[in-house]
Amino acid sequence: MNHTARNLIRITGAIVGLGAAVWALRDRLLPAPEIHDEPPPRFREAAPRPAQAPTSVRATTDSSLTDIKGVGAVTAGKLVKAGFTDVPAVAAAEPSVLADAVGTSEAVADKWITSAKSLT
């Protein structure tokens, strides 16, 4: 080995030894972590729930929208909110308008309209 390689090995060894000494003394060299008395809250408080719509659709409509095939209480509530308060209103609706108002496909809205027409 030549003289330059030996010096390089000595310098590398000194640097590694210095790094090991700093690593061993890190607890003494760094400040202690802060410890808080109270842990942070784990969960956010729930927001108050809005008042629920009436569960009885029959009380808010002239005739029962749930008589339409494929329309349950939840969908009937959506229909009432959209302005379709009775079976004749659904029967007279356009499929695209009904689908957009309730958030369904035009095919499903068309089935509802066909069923509503058979009830009127």
C-alpha atoms as a PDB file:
ATOM      1  CA  MET A   1       0.000   0.000   0.000  1.00  0.00           C
ATOM      2  CA  ASN A   2       1.206   3.407  -0.784  1.00  0.00           C
ATOM      3  CA  HIS A   3       1.384   6.319   1.571  1.00  0.00           C
ATOM      4  CA  THR A   4      -1.759   8.076   0.225  1.00  0.00           C
ATOM      5  CA  ALA A   5      -3.974   5.025   0.732  1.00  0.00           C
ATOM      6  CA  ARG A   6      -2.799   4.629   4.333  1.00  0.00           C
ATOM      7  CA  ASN A   7      -3.560   8.264   5.093  1.00  0.00           C
ATOM      8  CA  LEU A   8      -7.000   7.911   3.523  1.00  0.00           C
ATOM      9  CA  ILE A   9      -7.742   4.870   5.682  1.00  0.00           C
ATOM     10  CA  ARG A  10      -6.552   6.672   8.821  1.00  0.00           C
ATOM     11  CA  ILE A  11      -8.697   9.729   8.070  1.00  0.00           C
ATOM     12  CA  THR A  12     -11.725   7.560   7.311  1.00  0.00           C
ATOM     13  CA  GLY A  13     -11.207   5.656  10.571  1.00  0.00           C
ATOM     14  CA  ALA A  14     -10.959   8.899  12.532  1.00  0.00           C
ATOM     15  CA  ILE A  15     -14.177  10.214  10.988  1.00  0.00           C
ATOM     16  CA  VAL A  16     -16.022   6.951  11.662  1.00  0.00           C
ATOM     17  CA  GLY A  17     -14.714   6.906  15.243  1.00  0.00           C
ATOM     18  CA  LEU A  18     -15.815  10.507  15.773  1.00  0.00           C
ATOM     19  CA  GLY A  19     -19.280   9.660  14.377  1.00  0.00           C
ATOM     20  CA  ALA A  20     -19.553   6.687  16.736  1.00  0.00           C
ATOM     21  CA  ALA A  21     -18.589   8.861  19.708  1.00  0.00           C
ATOM     22  CA  VAL A  22     -21.214  11.483  18.802  1.00  0.00           C
ATOM     23  CA  TRP A  23     -23.822   8.738  18.348  1.00  0.00           C
ATOM     24  CA  ALA A  24     -22.989   7.287  21.771  1.00  0.00           C
ATOM     25  CA  LEU A  25     -23.192  10.710  23.429  1.00  0.00           C
ATOM     26  CA  ARG A  26     -26.275  11.946  21.536  1.00  0.00           C
ATOM     27  CA  ASP A  27     -28.496  11.758  24.631  1.00  0.00           C
ATOM     28  CA  ARG A  28     -26.119  14.064  26.471  1.00  0.00           C
ATOM     29  CA  LEU A  29     -25.636  16.415  23.528  1.00  0.00           C
ATOM     30  CA  LEU A  30     -29.300  16.904  22.568  1.00  0.00           C
ATOM     31  CA  PRO A  31     -31.912  18.542  24.784  1.00  0.00           C
ATOM     32  CA  ALA A  32     -34.518  16.306  26.396  1.00  0.00           C
ATOM     33  CA  PRO A  33     -37.838  16.106  24.539  1.00  0.00           C
ATOM     34  CA  GLU A  34     -40.719  18.151  25.883  1.00  0.00           C
ATOM     35  CA  ILE A  35     -43.386  16.148  27.671  1.00  0.00           C
ATOM     36  CA  HIS A  36     -46.867  17.633  27.728  1.00  0.00           C
ATOM     37  CA  ASP A  37     -49.146  17.005  30.685  1.00  0.00           C
ATOM     38  CA  GLU A  38     -52.262  16.352  28.606  1.00  0.00           C
ATOM     39  CA  PRO A  39     -52.232  14.266  25.446  1.00  0.00           C
ATOM     40  CA  PRO A  40     -53.873  15.840  22.407  1.00  0.00           C
ATOM     41  CA  PRO A  41     -57.482  14.818  21.764  1.00  0.00           C
ATOM     42  CA  ARG A  42     -57.717  11.692  19.629  1.00  0.00           C
ATOM     43  CA  PHE A  43     -61.031  12.521  17.976  1.00  0.00           C
ATOM     44  CA  ARG A  44     -62.784  15.651  16.881  1.00  0.00           C
ATOM     45  CA  GLU A  45     -66.150  16.304  18.414  1.00  0.00           C
ATOM     46  CA  ALA A  46     -69.010  15.389  16.134  1.00  0.00           C
ATOM     47  CA  ALA A  47     -70.931  18.200  14.515  1.00  0.00           C
ATOM     48  CA  PRO A  48     -74.566  18.424  15.508  1.00  0.00           C
ATOM     49  CA  ARG A  49     -76.806  16.471  13.165  1.00  0.00           C
ATOM     50  CA  PRO A  50     -79.404  18.377  11.171  1.00  0.00           C
ATOM     51  CA  ALA A  51     -83.037  17.710  11.851  1.00  0.00           C
ATOM     52  CA  GLN A  52     -84.250  14.687   9.919  1.00  0.00           C
ATOM     53  CA  ALA A  53     -87.013  14.826   7.360  1.00  0.00           C
ATOM     54  CA  PRO A  54     -90.306  13.270   8.370  1.00  0.00           C
ATOM     55  CA  THR A  55     -90.219   9.516   7.965  1.00  0.00           C
ATOM     56  CA  SER A  56     -93.822   9.329   6.879  1.00  0.00           C
ATOM     57  CA  VAL A  57     -94.118  10.274   3.231  1.00  0.00           C
ATOM     58  CA  ARG A  58     -97.883   9.691   3.301  1.00  0.00           C
ATOM     59  CA  ALA A  59     -98.336  12.671   5.607  1.00  0.00           C
ATOM     60  CA  THR A  60     -96.699  15.036   3.106  1.00  0.00           C
ATOM     61  CA  THR A  61     -98.299  13.776  -0.140  1.00  0.00           C
ATOM     62  CA  ASP A  62    -101.808  13.471  -1.564  1.00  0.00           C
ATOM     63  CA  SER A  63    -101.290   9.859  -2.649  1.00  0.00           C
ATOM     64  CA  SER A  64     -98.527   7.527  -1.654  1.00  0.00           C
ATOM     65  CA  LEU A  65     -95.405   7.766  -3.775  1.00  0.00           C
ATOM     66  CA  THR A  66     -94.304   4.464  -2.306  1.00  0.00           C
ATOM     67  CA  ASP A  67     -97.028   2.769  -4.368  1.00  0.00           C
ATOM     68  CA  ILE A  68     -94.828   3.400  -7.402  1.00  0.00           C
ATOM     69  CA  LYS A  69     -92.825   0.255  -8.146  1.00  0.00           C
ATOM     70  CA  GLY A  70     -89.203   0.749  -7.085  1.00  0.00           C
ATOM     71  CA  VAL A  71     -89.858   3.794  -4.893  1.00  0.00           C
ATOM     72  CA  GLY A  72     -89.275   3.369  -1.175  1.00  0.00           C
ATOM     73  CA  ALA A  73     -89.561   5.823   1.682  1.00  0.00           C
ATOM     74  CA  VAL A  74     -86.135   7.392   1.089  1.00  0.00           C
ATOM     75  CA  THR A  75     -86.703   7.896  -2.623  1.00  0.00           C
ATOM     76  CA  ALA A  76     -90.209   9.205  -1.954  1.00  0.00           C
ATOM     77  CA  GLY A  77     -88.682  11.794   0.373  1.00  0.00           C
ATOM     78  CA  LYS A  78     -86.282  12.845  -2.399  1.00  0.00           C
ATOM     79  CA  LEU A  79     -89.192  13.113  -4.821  1.00  0.00           C
ATOM     80  CA  VAL A  80     -91.119  15.326  -2.387  1.00  0.00           C
ATOM     81  CA  LYS A  81     -88.065  17.572  -1.901  1.00  0.00           C
ATOM     82  CA  ALA A  82     -87.746  17.836  -5.690  1.00  0.00           C
ATOM     83  CA  GLY A  83     -91.385  18.940  -6.002  1.00  0.00           C
ATOM     84  CA  PHE A  84     -93.002  15.673  -7.097  1.00  0.00           C
ATOM     85  CA  THR A  85     -95.537  15.443  -4.278  1.00  0.00           C
ATOM     86  CA  ASP A  86     -97.976  12.920  -5.756  1.00  0.00           C
ATOM     87  CA  VAL A  87     -98.237  10.027  -8.216  1.00  0.00           C
ATOM     88  CA  PRO A  88     -99.781  12.137 -11.046  1.00  0.00           C
ATOM     89  CA  ALA A  89     -96.838  14.563 -10.836  1.00  0.00           C
ATOM     90  CA  VAL A  90     -94.407  11.674 -11.310  1.00  0.00           C
ATOM     91  CA  ALA A  91     -96.529  10.262 -14.143  1.00  0.00           C
ATOM     92  CA  ALA A  92     -96.396  13.614 -15.959  1.00  0.00           C
ATOM     93  CA  ALA A  93     -92.646  14.124 -15.520  1.00  0.00           C
ATOM     94  CA  GLU A  94     -89.987  13.787 -18.186  1.00  0.00           C
ATOM     95  CA  PRO A  95     -87.462  11.000 -17.433  1.00  0.00           C
ATOM     96  CA  SER A  96     -84.450  13.334 -17.696  1.00  0.00           C
ATOM     97  CA  VAL A  97     -85.992  15.923 -15.354  1.00  0.00           C
ATOM     98  CA  LEU A  98     -87.005  13.287 -12.813  1.00  0.00           C
ATOM     99  CA  ALA A  99     -83.602  11.581 -12.984  1.00  0.00           C
ATOM    100  CA  ASP A 100     -81.756  14.862 -12.418  1.00  0.00           C
ATOM    101  CA  ALA A 101     -84.026  15.884  -9.554  1.00  0.00           C
ATOM    102  CA  VAL A 102     -83.626  12.630  -7.633  1.00  0.00           C
ATOM    103  CA  GLY A 103     -80.106  11.663  -8.710  1.00  0.00           C
ATOM    104  CA  THR A 104     -80.790   8.440 -10.592  1.00  0.00           C
ATOM    105  CA  SER A 105     -80.546   7.183 -14.156  1.00  0.00           C
ATOM    106  CA  GLU A 106     -83.082   8.011 -16.840  1.00  0.00           C
ATOM    107  CA  ALA A 107     -83.879   4.298 -17.227  1.00  0.00           C
ATOM    108  CA  VAL A 108     -84.921   4.048 -13.575  1.00  0.00           C
ATOM    109  CA  ALA A 109     -86.881   7.309 -13.815  1.00  0.00           C
ATOM    110  CA  ASP A 110     -88.661   5.961 -16.903  1.00  0.00           C
ATOM    111  CA  LYS A 111     -89.683   2.824 -14.962  1.00  0.00           C
ATOM    112  CA  TRP A 112     -91.071   5.015 -12.173  1.00  0.00           C
ATOM    113  CA  ILE A 113     -93.038   7.098 -14.674  1.00  0.00           C
ATOM    114  CA  THR A 114     -94.467   3.964 -16.308  1.00  0.00           C
ATOM    115  CA  SER A 115     -95.470   2.592 -12.902  1.00  0.00           C
ATOM    116  CA  ALA A 116     -96.982   5.941 -11.880  1.00  0.00           C
ATOM    117  CA  LYS A 117     -99.013   6.078 -15.116  1.00  0.00           C
ATOM    118  CA  SER A 118    -100.436   2.620 -14.357  1.00  0.00           C
ATOM    119  CA  LEU A 119    -101.556   3.894 -10.926  1.00  0.00           C
ATOM    120  CA  THR A 120    -103.372   6.978 -12.239  1.00  0.00           C
END
